[in-house]
C-alpha atoms as a PDB file:
ATOM      1  CA  MET A   1     -13.134  -4.862  12.947  1.00  0.00           C
ATOM      2  CA  LYS A   2     -14.552  -1.444  12.053  1.00  0.00           C
ATOM      3  CA  VAL A   3     -12.895   0.299   9.114  1.00  0.00           C
ATOM      4  CA  GLY A   4     -13.456   3.819   7.889  1.00  0.00           C
ATOM      5  CA  ILE A   5     -12.593   4.676   4.297  1.00  0.00           C
ATOM      6  CA  ILE A   6     -12.094   8.294   3.309  1.00  0.00           C
ATOM      7  CA  GLY A   7     -12.832   8.544  -0.393  1.00  0.00           C
ATOM      8  CA  ALA A   8     -15.524   6.553  -2.181  1.00  0.00           C
ATOM      9  CA  GLY A   9     -13.836   6.633  -5.553  1.00  0.00           C
ATOM     10  CA  GLN A  10     -12.564   3.592  -7.405  1.00  0.00           C
ATOM     11  CA  VAL A  11      -9.888   2.649  -4.843  1.00  0.00           C
ATOM     12  CA  GLY A  12     -12.093   3.339  -1.820  1.00  0.00           C
ATOM     13  CA  SER A  13     -15.128   1.477  -3.125  1.00  0.00           C
ATOM     14  CA  ALA A  14     -13.048  -1.475  -4.375  1.00  0.00           C
ATOM     15  CA  THR A  15     -11.408  -1.680  -0.945  1.00  0.00           C
ATOM     16  CA  ALA A  16     -14.758  -1.597   0.837  1.00  0.00           C
ATOM     17  CA  PHE A  17     -15.977  -4.402  -1.444  1.00  0.00           C
ATOM     18  CA  ALA A  18     -12.859  -6.504  -0.795  1.00  0.00           C
ATOM     19  CA  LEU A  19     -13.084  -5.987   2.983  1.00  0.00           C
ATOM     20  CA  ILE A  20     -16.719  -7.081   2.996  1.00  0.00           C
ATOM     21  CA  LEU A  21     -16.353  -9.973   0.562  1.00  0.00           C
ATOM     22  CA  ARG A  22     -13.417 -11.470   2.504  1.00  0.00           C
ATOM     23  CA  GLY A  23     -15.033 -10.892   5.884  1.00  0.00           C
ATOM     24  CA  VAL A  24     -12.083  -8.876   7.167  1.00  0.00           C
ATOM     25  CA  ALA A  25     -14.280  -5.998   8.349  1.00  0.00           C
ATOM     26  CA  ARG A  26     -17.635  -6.420  10.064  1.00  0.00           C
ATOM     27  CA  GLU A  27     -18.411  -2.726   9.577  1.00  0.00           C
ATOM     28  CA  VAL A  28     -17.221  -0.331   6.892  1.00  0.00           C
ATOM     29  CA  VAL A  29     -18.032   3.375   6.811  1.00  0.00           C
ATOM     30  CA  LEU A  30     -17.549   5.150   3.479  1.00  0.00           C
ATOM     31  CA  ILE A  31     -16.978   8.907   3.642  1.00  0.00           C
ATOM     32  CA  ASP A  32     -16.783  11.180   0.633  1.00  0.00           C
ATOM     33  CA  SER A  33     -17.356  14.845  -0.129  1.00  0.00           C
ATOM     34  CA  ASN A  34     -19.827  13.541  -2.712  1.00  0.00           C
ATOM     35  CA  GLU A  35     -22.338  12.083  -0.271  1.00  0.00           C
ATOM     36  CA  LYS A  36     -24.565  10.748  -3.038  1.00  0.00           C
ATOM     37  CA  LYS A  37     -21.628   8.786  -4.479  1.00  0.00           C
ATOM     38  CA  ALA A  38     -20.748   7.306  -1.061  1.00  0.00           C
ATOM     39  CA  GLU A  39     -24.362   6.305  -0.430  1.00  0.00           C
ATOM     40  CA  ALA A  40     -24.653   4.639  -3.835  1.00  0.00           C
ATOM     41  CA  GLU A  41     -21.406   2.665  -3.425  1.00  0.00           C
ATOM     42  CA  ALA A  42     -22.376   1.545   0.088  1.00  0.00           C
ATOM     43  CA  LEU A  43     -25.812   0.439  -1.078  1.00  0.00           C
ATOM     44  CA  ASP A  44     -24.400  -1.483  -4.032  1.00  0.00           C
ATOM     45  CA  ILE A  45     -21.803  -3.252  -1.882  1.00  0.00           C
ATOM     46  CA  SER A  46     -24.346  -4.079   0.824  1.00  0.00           C
ATOM     47  CA  HIS A  47     -26.286  -6.103  -1.736  1.00  0.00           C
ATOM     48  CA  ALA A  48     -23.318  -8.484  -2.010  1.00  0.00           C
ATOM     49  CA  THR A  49     -23.183  -9.309   1.718  1.00  0.00           C
ATOM     50  CA  THR A  50     -25.754 -12.083   1.292  1.00  0.00           C
ATOM     51  CA  PHE A  51     -23.194 -13.916  -0.828  1.00  0.00           C
ATOM     52  CA  ALA A  52     -20.306 -13.315   1.582  1.00  0.00           C
ATOM     53  CA  TYR A  53     -20.505 -12.373   5.272  1.00  0.00           C
ATOM     54  CA  ALA A  54     -23.068 -10.653   7.485  1.00  0.00           C
ATOM     55  CA  SER A  55     -21.106  -7.415   7.463  1.00  0.00           C
ATOM     56  CA  LYS A  56     -22.390  -3.867   7.319  1.00  0.00           C
ATOM     57  CA  VAL A  57     -21.316  -1.150   4.918  1.00  0.00           C
ATOM     58  CA  ARG A  58     -22.777   2.331   4.997  1.00  0.00           C
ATOM     59  CA  ALA A  59     -22.092   5.885   4.001  1.00  0.00           C
ATOM     60  CA  GLY A  60     -21.436   8.309   6.809  1.00  0.00           C
ATOM     61  CA  SER A  61     -19.628  11.354   8.121  1.00  0.00           C
ATOM     62  CA  TYR A  62     -16.453  11.739  10.148  1.00  0.00           C
ATOM     63  CA  HIS A  63     -18.568  11.500  13.317  1.00  0.00           C
ATOM     64  CA  ASP A  64     -19.357   7.913  12.320  1.00  0.00           C
ATOM     65  CA  LEU A  65     -15.681   6.956  12.705  1.00  0.00           C
ATOM     66  CA  ASP A  66     -16.044   6.568  16.478  1.00  0.00           C
ATOM     67  CA  ASN A  67     -14.422   3.324  17.660  1.00  0.00           C
ATOM     68  CA  ALA A  68     -12.936   2.630  14.227  1.00  0.00           C
ATOM     69  CA  ASP A  69      -9.946   0.282  14.359  1.00  0.00           C
ATOM     70  CA  VAL A  70      -8.478   1.445  11.051  1.00  0.00           C
ATOM     71  CA  VAL A  71      -9.129   4.486   8.877  1.00  0.00           C
ATOM     72  CA  ILE A  72      -7.923   4.208   5.278  1.00  0.00           C
ATOM     73  CA  ILE A  73      -7.306   7.371   3.279  1.00  0.00           C
ATOM     74  CA  THR A  74      -7.896   6.833  -0.423  1.00  0.00           C
ATOM     75  CA  ALA A  75      -9.106  10.358  -1.176  1.00  0.00           C
ATOM     76  CA  GLY A  76      -7.203  12.647  -3.469  1.00  0.00           C
ATOM     77  CA  ALA A  77      -6.681  13.575  -7.066  1.00  0.00           C
ATOM     78  CA  ASN A  78      -6.296  10.718  -9.536  1.00  0.00           C
ATOM     79  CA  GLN A  79      -2.972  10.145 -11.254  1.00  0.00           C
ATOM     80  CA  ARG A  80      -3.216  11.370 -14.836  1.00  0.00           C
ATOM     81  CA  PRO A  81      -1.753   9.515 -17.823  1.00  0.00           C
ATOM     82  CA  GLY A  82       1.965  10.346 -17.986  1.00  0.00           C
ATOM     83  CA  GLU A  83       1.958  11.945 -14.536  1.00  0.00           C
ATOM     84  CA  THR A  84       4.360  10.636 -11.885  1.00  0.00           C
ATOM     85  CA  ARG A  85       3.193   9.983  -8.342  1.00  0.00           C
ATOM     86  CA  ILE A  86       5.440  12.803  -7.145  1.00  0.00           C
ATOM     87  CA  ASP A  87       3.565  15.251  -9.394  1.00  0.00           C
ATOM     88  CA  LEU A  88       0.431  14.496  -7.404  1.00  0.00           C
ATOM     89  CA  MET A  89       1.834  15.834  -4.142  1.00  0.00           C
ATOM     90  CA  GLU A  90       0.780  19.471  -4.306  1.00  0.00           C
ATOM     91  CA  ARG A  91      -2.707  18.573  -5.466  1.00  0.00           C
ATOM     92  CA  ASN A  92      -3.220  16.061  -2.662  1.00  0.00           C
ATOM     93  CA  ALA A  93      -1.484  17.801   0.264  1.00  0.00           C
ATOM     94  CA  ALA A  94      -4.210  20.427   0.610  1.00  0.00           C
ATOM     95  CA  ILE A  95      -6.902  17.739   0.686  1.00  0.00           C
ATOM     96  CA  PHE A  96      -5.125  15.910   3.518  1.00  0.00           C
ATOM     97  CA  LYS A  97      -5.065  18.843   5.951  1.00  0.00           C
ATOM     98  CA  SER A  98      -8.798  18.686   6.518  1.00  0.00           C
ATOM     99  CA  ILE A  99      -9.036  14.892   6.327  1.00  0.00           C
ATOM    100  CA  VAL A 100      -6.372  14.088   8.927  1.00  0.00           C
ATOM    101  CA  ARG A 101      -7.654  16.652  11.421  1.00  0.00           C
ATOM    102  CA  GLN A 102     -11.146  15.181  11.317  1.00  0.00           C
ATOM    103  CA  ILE A 103      -9.890  11.600  11.611  1.00  0.00           C
ATOM    104  CA  VAL A 104      -7.904  12.401  14.754  1.00  0.00           C
ATOM    105  CA  GLU A 105     -10.829  14.297  16.279  1.00  0.00           C
ATOM    106  CA  ASN A 106     -13.321  11.507  15.708  1.00  0.00           C
ATOM    107  CA  ALA A 107     -11.194   8.328  15.830  1.00  0.00           C
ATOM    108  CA  PRO A 108      -8.234   9.153  18.097  1.00  0.00           C
ATOM    109  CA  ASN A 109      -7.394   5.502  18.736  1.00  0.00           C
ATOM    110  CA  ALA A 110      -7.500   4.316  15.130  1.00  0.00           C
ATOM    111  CA  ILE A 111      -4.604   3.228  12.953  1.00  0.00           C
ATOM    112  CA  ILE A 112      -4.356   5.489   9.905  1.00  0.00           C
ATOM    113  CA  LEU A 113      -3.487   3.717   6.668  1.00  0.00           C
ATOM    114  CA  VAL A 114      -2.573   5.962   3.729  1.00  0.00           C
ATOM    115  CA  ALA A 115      -3.195   4.777   0.180  1.00  0.00           C
ATOM    116  CA  SER A 116      -3.281   8.051  -1.779  1.00  0.00           C
ATOM    117  CA  ASN A 117      -0.300   8.892  -3.962  1.00  0.00           C
ATOM    118  CA  PRO A 118       2.497   9.787  -3.642  1.00  0.00           C
ATOM    119  CA  VAL A 119       2.021   7.433  -0.724  1.00  0.00           C
ATOM    120  CA  ASP A 120       5.455   7.756   0.923  1.00  0.00           C
ATOM    121  CA  ILE A 121       5.357  11.554   1.050  1.00  0.00           C
ATOM    122  CA  LEU A 122       1.709  11.672   2.093  1.00  0.00           C
ATOM    123  CA  THR A 123       2.407   9.109   4.823  1.00  0.00           C
ATOM    124  CA  GLU A 124       5.093  11.384   6.272  1.00  0.00           C
ATOM    125  CA  TYR A 125       2.748  14.355   5.906  1.00  0.00           C
ATOM    126  CA  THR A 126      -0.064  12.475   7.670  1.00  0.00           C
ATOM    127  CA  LEU A 127       2.249  11.456  10.508  1.00  0.00           C
ATOM    128  CA  LYS A 128       3.214  15.094  11.089  1.00  0.00           C
ATOM    129  CA  LEU A 129      -0.356  16.386  10.832  1.00  0.00           C
ATOM    130  CA  SER A 130      -1.827  13.734  13.117  1.00  0.00           C
ATOM    131  CA  GLY A 131       0.689  13.835  15.950  1.00  0.00           C
ATOM    132  CA  LEU A 132       0.088  10.103  16.420  1.00  0.00           C
ATOM    133  CA  PRO A 133       2.788   7.540  17.293  1.00  0.00           C
ATOM    134  CA  LYS A 134       4.662   6.337  14.221  1.00  0.00           C
ATOM    135  CA  ASN A 135       3.463   2.750  14.667  1.00  0.00           C
ATOM    136  CA  ARG A 136      -0.130   3.920  14.048  1.00  0.00           C
ATOM    137  CA  VAL A 137       0.415   5.868  10.818  1.00  0.00           C
ATOM    138  CA  PHE A 138       1.753   4.090   7.752  1.00  0.00           C
ATOM    139  CA  GLY A 139       1.117   3.719   4.061  1.00  0.00           C
ATOM    140  CA  SER A 140       0.355   0.900   1.667  1.00  0.00           C
ATOM    141  CA  GLY A 141       3.858   1.450   0.305  1.00  0.00           C
ATOM    142  CA  THR A 142       5.167  -1.215  -2.045  1.00  0.00           C
ATOM    143  CA  ILE A 143       2.750  -3.966  -1.018  1.00  0.00           C
ATOM    144  CA  LEU A 144       1.237  -3.866  -4.517  1.00  0.00           C
ATOM    145  CA  ASP A 145       4.627  -3.650  -6.253  1.00  0.00           C
ATOM    146  CA  THR A 146       5.752  -6.672  -4.250  1.00  0.00           C
ATOM    147  CA  SER A 147       2.628  -8.541  -5.343  1.00  0.00           C
ATOM    148  CA  ARG A 148       3.314  -7.649  -8.975  1.00  0.00           C
ATOM    149  CA  PHE A 149       6.910  -8.853  -8.605  1.00  0.00           C
ATOM    150  CA  ARG A 150       5.864 -12.177  -7.101  1.00  0.00           C
ATOM    151  CA  THR A 151       3.096 -12.642  -9.673  1.00  0.00           C
ATOM    152  CA  LEU A 152       5.472 -12.154 -12.591  1.00  0.00           C
ATOM    153  CA  LEU A 153       8.107 -14.402 -11.029  1.00  0.00           C
ATOM    154  CA  GLY A 154       5.458 -17.068 -10.461  1.00  0.00           C
ATOM    155  CA  GLU A 155       4.352 -16.847 -14.090  1.00  0.00           C
ATOM    156  CA  HIS A 156       7.924 -17.188 -15.321  1.00  0.00           C
ATOM    157  CA  LEU A 157       8.826 -20.064 -13.000  1.00  0.00           C
ATOM    158  CA  GLY A 158       5.485 -21.843 -13.356  1.00  0.00           C
ATOM    159  CA  ILE A 159       4.753 -21.856  -9.619  1.00  0.00           C
ATOM    160  CA  SER A 160       2.274 -20.125  -7.342  1.00  0.00           C
ATOM    161  CA  SER A 161       3.141 -16.537  -6.479  1.00  0.00           C
ATOM    162  CA  LYS A 162       2.136 -17.377  -2.905  1.00  0.00           C
ATOM    163  CA  SER A 163       5.167 -19.680  -2.695  1.00  0.00           C
ATOM    164  CA  ILE A 164       7.603 -16.903  -3.607  1.00  0.00           C
ATOM    165  CA  HIS A 165       9.366 -14.620  -1.143  1.00  0.00           C
ATOM    166  CA  ALA A 166      10.673 -11.594  -3.011  1.00  0.00           C
ATOM    167  CA  ASN A 167      10.170  -7.932  -2.217  1.00  0.00           C
ATOM    168  CA  VAL A 168      10.110  -4.482  -3.743  1.00  0.00           C
ATOM    169  CA  LEU A 169      11.448  -1.833  -1.356  1.00  0.00           C
ATOM    170  CA  GLY A 170      12.001   1.910  -1.198  1.00  0.00           C
ATOM    171  CA  GLU A 171       9.709   4.408  -2.874  1.00  0.00           C
ATOM    172  CA  HIS A 172       6.356   3.348  -4.252  1.00  0.00           C
ATOM    173  CA  GLY A 173       7.280   4.906  -7.552  1.00  0.00           C
ATOM    174  CA  ASP A 174       9.899   5.213 -10.226  1.00  0.00           C
ATOM    175  CA  SER A 175      12.908   4.651  -7.928  1.00  0.00           C
ATOM    176  CA  GLU A 176      11.551   1.494  -6.263  1.00  0.00           C
ATOM    177  CA  VAL A 177      14.028  -1.356  -5.858  1.00  0.00           C
ATOM    178  CA  LEU A 178      13.299  -4.942  -6.871  1.00  0.00           C
ATOM    179  CA  ILE A 179      15.290  -7.143  -4.500  1.00  0.00           C
ATOM    180  CA  TRP A 180      16.607 -10.027  -6.582  1.00  0.00           C
ATOM    181  CA  SER A 181      19.533 -11.067  -4.375  1.00  0.00           C
ATOM    182  CA  ASN A 182      17.542 -12.738  -1.590  1.00  0.00           C
ATOM    183  CA  GLY A 183      14.339 -13.843  -3.335  1.00  0.00           C
ATOM    184  CA  ASP A 184      13.543 -17.528  -2.763  1.00  0.00           C
ATOM    185  CA  ALA A 185      10.932 -20.247  -3.194  1.00  0.00           C
ATOM    186  CA  GLY A 186      10.927 -23.734  -1.729  1.00  0.00           C
ATOM    187  CA  THR A 187      14.080 -22.811   0.262  1.00  0.00           C
ATOM    188  CA  LEU A 188      16.016 -22.209  -2.968  1.00  0.00           C
ATOM    189  CA  PRO A 189      17.199 -18.873  -4.337  1.00  0.00           C
ATOM    190  CA  ILE A 190      14.956 -17.951  -7.258  1.00  0.00           C
ATOM    191  CA  ALA A 191      17.931 -17.983  -9.626  1.00  0.00           C
ATOM    192  CA  THR A 192      18.785 -21.550  -8.603  1.00  0.00           C
ATOM    193  CA  LEU A 193      15.157 -22.634  -8.832  1.00  0.00           C
ATOM    194  CA  GLY A 194      14.908 -21.121 -12.295  1.00  0.00           C
ATOM    195  CA  VAL A 195      17.775 -23.316 -13.494  1.00  0.00           C
ATOM    196  CA  ASP A 196      16.297 -26.412 -11.819  1.00  0.00           C
ATOM    197  CA  LEU A 197      12.950 -25.799 -13.507  1.00  0.00           C
ATOM    198  CA  ASN A 198      14.607 -25.113 -16.859  1.00  0.00           C
ATOM    199  CA  ARG A 199      13.268 -21.577 -16.677  1.00  0.00           C
ATOM    200  CA  PRO A 200      16.425 -19.552 -16.028  1.00  0.00           C
ATOM    201  CA  ILE A 201      16.207 -15.976 -14.859  1.00  0.00           C
ATOM    202  CA  THR A 202      18.374 -14.358 -17.479  1.00  0.00           C
ATOM    203  CA  PRO A 203      19.248 -10.646 -17.702  1.00  0.00           C
ATOM    204  CA  GLU A 204      16.501 -10.345 -20.325  1.00  0.00           C
ATOM    205  CA  VAL A 205      13.942 -11.929 -17.992  1.00  0.00           C
ATOM    206  CA  LYS A 206      15.013  -9.604 -15.183  1.00  0.00           C
ATOM    207  CA  ALA A 207      14.689  -6.573 -17.431  1.00  0.00           C
ATOM    208  CA  ARG A 208      11.229  -7.604 -18.588  1.00  0.00           C
ATOM    209  CA  ILE A 209       9.962  -8.258 -15.075  1.00  0.00           C
ATOM    210  CA  ASP A 210      11.511  -5.040 -13.780  1.00  0.00           C
ATOM    211  CA  ASP A 211       9.797  -3.039 -16.524  1.00  0.00           C
ATOM    212  CA  ASN A 212       6.425  -4.699 -15.937  1.00  0.00           C
ATOM    213  CA  VAL A 213       6.596  -4.096 -12.180  1.00  0.00           C
ATOM    214  CA  ARG A 214       7.940  -0.550 -12.336  1.00  0.00           C
ATOM    215  CA  ASN A 215       5.620   0.638 -15.101  1.00  0.00           C
ATOM    216  CA  ALA A 216       2.517  -1.418 -14.365  1.00  0.00           C
ATOM    217  CA  ALA A 217       0.545   1.535 -13.000  1.00  0.00           C
ATOM    218  CA  TYR A 218       1.254   3.655 -16.079  1.00  0.00           C
ATOM    219  CA  LYS A 219       0.135   0.844 -18.388  1.00  0.00           C
ATOM    220  CA  ILE A 220      -3.067   0.266 -16.426  1.00  0.00           C
ATOM    221  CA  ILE A 221      -3.859   3.979 -16.212  1.00  0.00           C
ATOM    222  CA  ASP A 222      -3.322   4.323 -19.947  1.00  0.00           C
ATOM    223  CA  GLY A 223      -5.715   1.448 -20.603  1.00  0.00           C
ATOM    224  CA  LYS A 224      -8.537   2.088 -18.136  1.00  0.00           C
ATOM    225  CA  GLY A 225      -7.820   5.359 -16.350  1.00  0.00           C
ATOM    226  CA  ALA A 226      -6.897   4.116 -12.859  1.00  0.00           C
ATOM    227  CA  THR A 227      -5.588   1.195 -10.814  1.00  0.00           C
ATOM    228  CA  PHE A 228      -7.825  -0.038  -8.025  1.00  0.00           C
ATOM    229  CA  TYR A 229      -8.314  -3.818  -7.754  1.00  0.00           C
ATOM    230  CA  GLY A 230      -4.699  -4.599  -6.882  1.00  0.00           C
ATOM    231  CA  ILE A 231      -4.341  -1.936  -4.225  1.00  0.00           C
ATOM    232  CA  ALA A 232      -7.749  -2.846  -2.777  1.00  0.00           C
ATOM    233  CA  GLY A 233      -6.423  -6.375  -2.298  1.00  0.00           C
ATOM    234  CA  GLY A 234      -3.285  -5.037  -0.647  1.00  0.00           C
ATOM    235  CA  LEU A 235      -5.169  -2.751   1.741  1.00  0.00           C
ATOM    236  CA  THR A 236      -7.455  -5.633   2.689  1.00  0.00           C
ATOM    237  CA  ARG A 237      -4.410  -7.816   3.392  1.00  0.00           C
ATOM    238  CA  ILE A 238      -2.985  -5.153   5.719  1.00  0.00           C
ATOM    239  CA  CYS A 239      -6.297  -4.839   7.553  1.00  0.00           C
ATOM    240  CA  GLN A 240      -6.450  -8.618   7.917  1.00  0.00           C
ATOM    241  CA  ALA A 241      -3.024  -8.617   9.580  1.00  0.00           C
ATOM    242  CA  ILE A 242      -4.218  -5.941  12.016  1.00  0.00           C
ATOM    243  CA  ALA A 243      -7.575  -7.605  12.737  1.00  0.00           C
ATOM    244  CA  THR A 244      -6.070 -11.016  13.475  1.00  0.00           C
ATOM    245  CA  ASN A 245      -2.964  -9.734  15.291  1.00  0.00           C
ATOM    246  CA  GLU A 246      -1.088 -11.778  12.714  1.00  0.00           C
ATOM    247  CA  ASN A 247       2.457 -10.438  12.937  1.00  0.00           C
ATOM    248  CA  ALA A 248       2.574 -10.649   9.155  1.00  0.00           C
ATOM    249  CA  ILE A 249       5.611  -9.288   7.337  1.00  0.00           C
ATOM    250  CA  LEU A 250       4.445  -6.806   4.698  1.00  0.00           C
ATOM    251  CA  THR A 251       6.233  -4.115   2.718  1.00  0.00           C
ATOM    252  CA  VAL A 252       4.413  -1.044   4.012  1.00  0.00           C
ATOM    253  CA  SER A 253       5.706   2.530   4.031  1.00  0.00           C
ATOM    254  CA  SER A 254       6.572   3.952   7.436  1.00  0.00           C
ATOM    255  CA  PHE A 255       8.860   6.452   9.134  1.00  0.00           C
ATOM    256  CA  HIS A 256      12.528   5.497   9.520  1.00  0.00           C
ATOM    257  CA  GLU A 257      15.199   7.453  11.335  1.00  0.00           C
ATOM    258  CA  ASP A 258      17.886   6.158   8.983  1.00  0.00           C
ATOM    259  CA  VAL A 259      17.793   4.321   5.666  1.00  0.00           C
ATOM    260  CA  GLU A 260      21.198   3.860   4.049  1.00  0.00           C
ATOM    261  CA  GLY A 261      22.409   7.078   5.683  1.00  0.00           C
ATOM    262  CA  ILE A 262      19.340   9.131   4.714  1.00  0.00           C
ATOM    263  CA  LYS A 263      17.672  10.456   7.848  1.00  0.00           C
ATOM    264  CA  ASN A 264      14.000  10.708   8.803  1.00  0.00           C
ATOM    265  CA  ILE A 265      12.190   9.409   5.744  1.00  0.00           C
ATOM    266  CA  CYS A 266       9.121   7.310   4.920  1.00  0.00           C
ATOM    267  CA  LEU A 267       9.522   4.405   2.526  1.00  0.00           C
ATOM    268  CA  SER A 268       8.900   0.668   2.384  1.00  0.00           C
ATOM    269  CA  LEU A 269      10.882  -2.016   4.183  1.00  0.00           C
ATOM    270  CA  PRO A 270       9.746  -5.453   5.417  1.00  0.00           C
ATOM    271  CA  THR A 271       7.558  -4.701   8.445  1.00  0.00           C
ATOM    272  CA  ILE A 272       5.803  -6.800  11.083  1.00  0.00           C
ATOM    273  CA  ILE A 273       2.124  -5.785  11.237  1.00  0.00           C
ATOM    274  CA  ASN A 274      -0.282  -6.693  14.059  1.00  0.00           C
ATOM    275  CA  LYS A 275      -3.085  -5.154  16.143  1.00  0.00           C
ATOM    276  CA  ASN A 276      -0.743  -2.343  17.226  1.00  0.00           C
ATOM    277  CA  GLY A 277      -0.017  -1.408  13.633  1.00  0.00           C
ATOM    278  CA  ILE A 278       3.734  -1.543  13.143  1.00  0.00           C
ATOM    279  CA  GLU A 279       5.433  -3.889  15.591  1.00  0.00           C
ATOM    280  CA  LYS A 280       8.937  -3.910  14.108  1.00  0.00           C
ATOM    281  CA  VAL A 281      10.802  -3.083  10.926  1.00  0.00           C
ATOM    282  CA  ILE A 282      13.158  -5.736   9.547  1.00  0.00           C
ATOM    283  CA  TYR A 283      16.161  -4.350   7.717  1.00  0.00           C
ATOM    284  CA  PRO A 284      16.816  -6.688   4.784  1.00  0.00           C
ATOM    285  CA  ARG A 285      19.977  -8.359   3.581  1.00  0.00           C
ATOM    286  CA  LEU A 286      20.945  -6.653   0.309  1.00  0.00           C
ATOM    287  CA  SER A 287      23.608  -6.800  -2.356  1.00  0.00           C
ATOM    288  CA  ASP A 288      25.996  -3.872  -2.767  1.00  0.00           C
ATOM    289  CA  GLU A 289      24.032  -2.710  -5.802  1.00  0.00           C
ATOM    290  CA  GLU A 290      20.735  -2.921  -3.925  1.00  0.00           C
ATOM    291  CA  HIS A 291      22.158  -0.916  -1.020  1.00  0.00           C
ATOM    292  CA  ALA A 292      23.089   1.819  -3.488  1.00  0.00           C
ATOM    293  CA  LEU A 293      19.700   1.730  -5.212  1.00  0.00           C
ATOM    294  CA  LEU A 294      17.829   1.885  -1.911  1.00  0.00           C
ATOM    295  CA  ARG A 295      19.924   4.863  -0.847  1.00  0.00           C
ATOM    296  CA  ALA A 296      19.146   6.597  -4.141  1.00  0.00           C
ATOM    297  CA  SER A 297      15.432   5.919  -3.637  1.00  0.00           C
ATOM    298  CA  ALA A 298      15.538   7.342  -0.112  1.00  0.00           C
ATOM    299  CA  GLN A 299      17.509  10.366  -1.294  1.00  0.00           C
ATOM    300  CA  LYS A 300      14.972  11.060  -4.034  1.00  0.00           C
ATOM    301  CA  LEU A 301      12.148  11.131  -1.510  1.00  0.00           C
ATOM    302  CA  LYS A 302      14.193  13.251   0.911  1.00  0.00           C
ATOM    303  CA  ASP A 303      15.013  15.780  -1.794  1.00  0.00           C
ATOM    304  CA  TYR A 304      11.379  16.158  -2.704  1.00  0.00           C
ATOM    305  CA  VAL A 305      10.211  16.559   0.906  1.00  0.00           C
ATOM    306  CA  GLN A 306      12.796  19.303   1.423  1.00  0.00           C
ATOM    307  CA  MET A 307      11.745  21.257  -1.671  1.00  0.00           C
ATOM    308  CA  PRO A 308      10.261  24.689  -0.843  1.00  0.00           C
END
């Protein structure tokens, strides 16, 4: 697989490193307006290939995206302490106009994967700018939020997060929805398993996990300025599903004609990912409260997109 990464900042370089170290990509091209930065990151990462796989990573230009299978957009302004992802939109929209045009010109057959925030709105913006089919333009969405949710549940229950099926849906942001009603592990609902393991999921536990999932990015940004390792892992997982034609179900952000009555919006739902990009969206079973929360999340995104 050949992957282009637009933006050699912390997210872009961490993603390139993860792709190379896990052997998901055999070639990675890093592109950045700061060519010296891209060259330095590519050189540093290339020195790790001896310890991993015989992959190639190099700095390049948009012309070097020819025959790329996936192009990941990580470029954009960083989220500032106390700033919401929505606040980033105006600063990042202008950057995307030039980026998307050059991707389509040089890699017309690639899948475009958006990671820059606010990812749901920028995914919709990229879809419109590119003119590509909706299965080939999607965002990282809540894949990281879902990982955080499963990690925290695993820590509470004392089991591997890989054994837990529980998702975060909707906006990748403040209105995201943790889906408690259908989470399970070992065929048991997580609430039942919690009782069996003498680790009940009480309202206090739910509140703590919800807070740690919903506000994780703000806490990390406050402590070290940016989040990048987690999302790099998520982007690598998406690329793996594409490279291996896996039909993996991942919570990516894509275009939906209707979500809880809200029309034509991008947000995260369980989605089958393979070599074609998006194969099918699976609409989840939800509680009445979760239906209402998902609608509110969709409405929030719709209201922002429609703002003048």
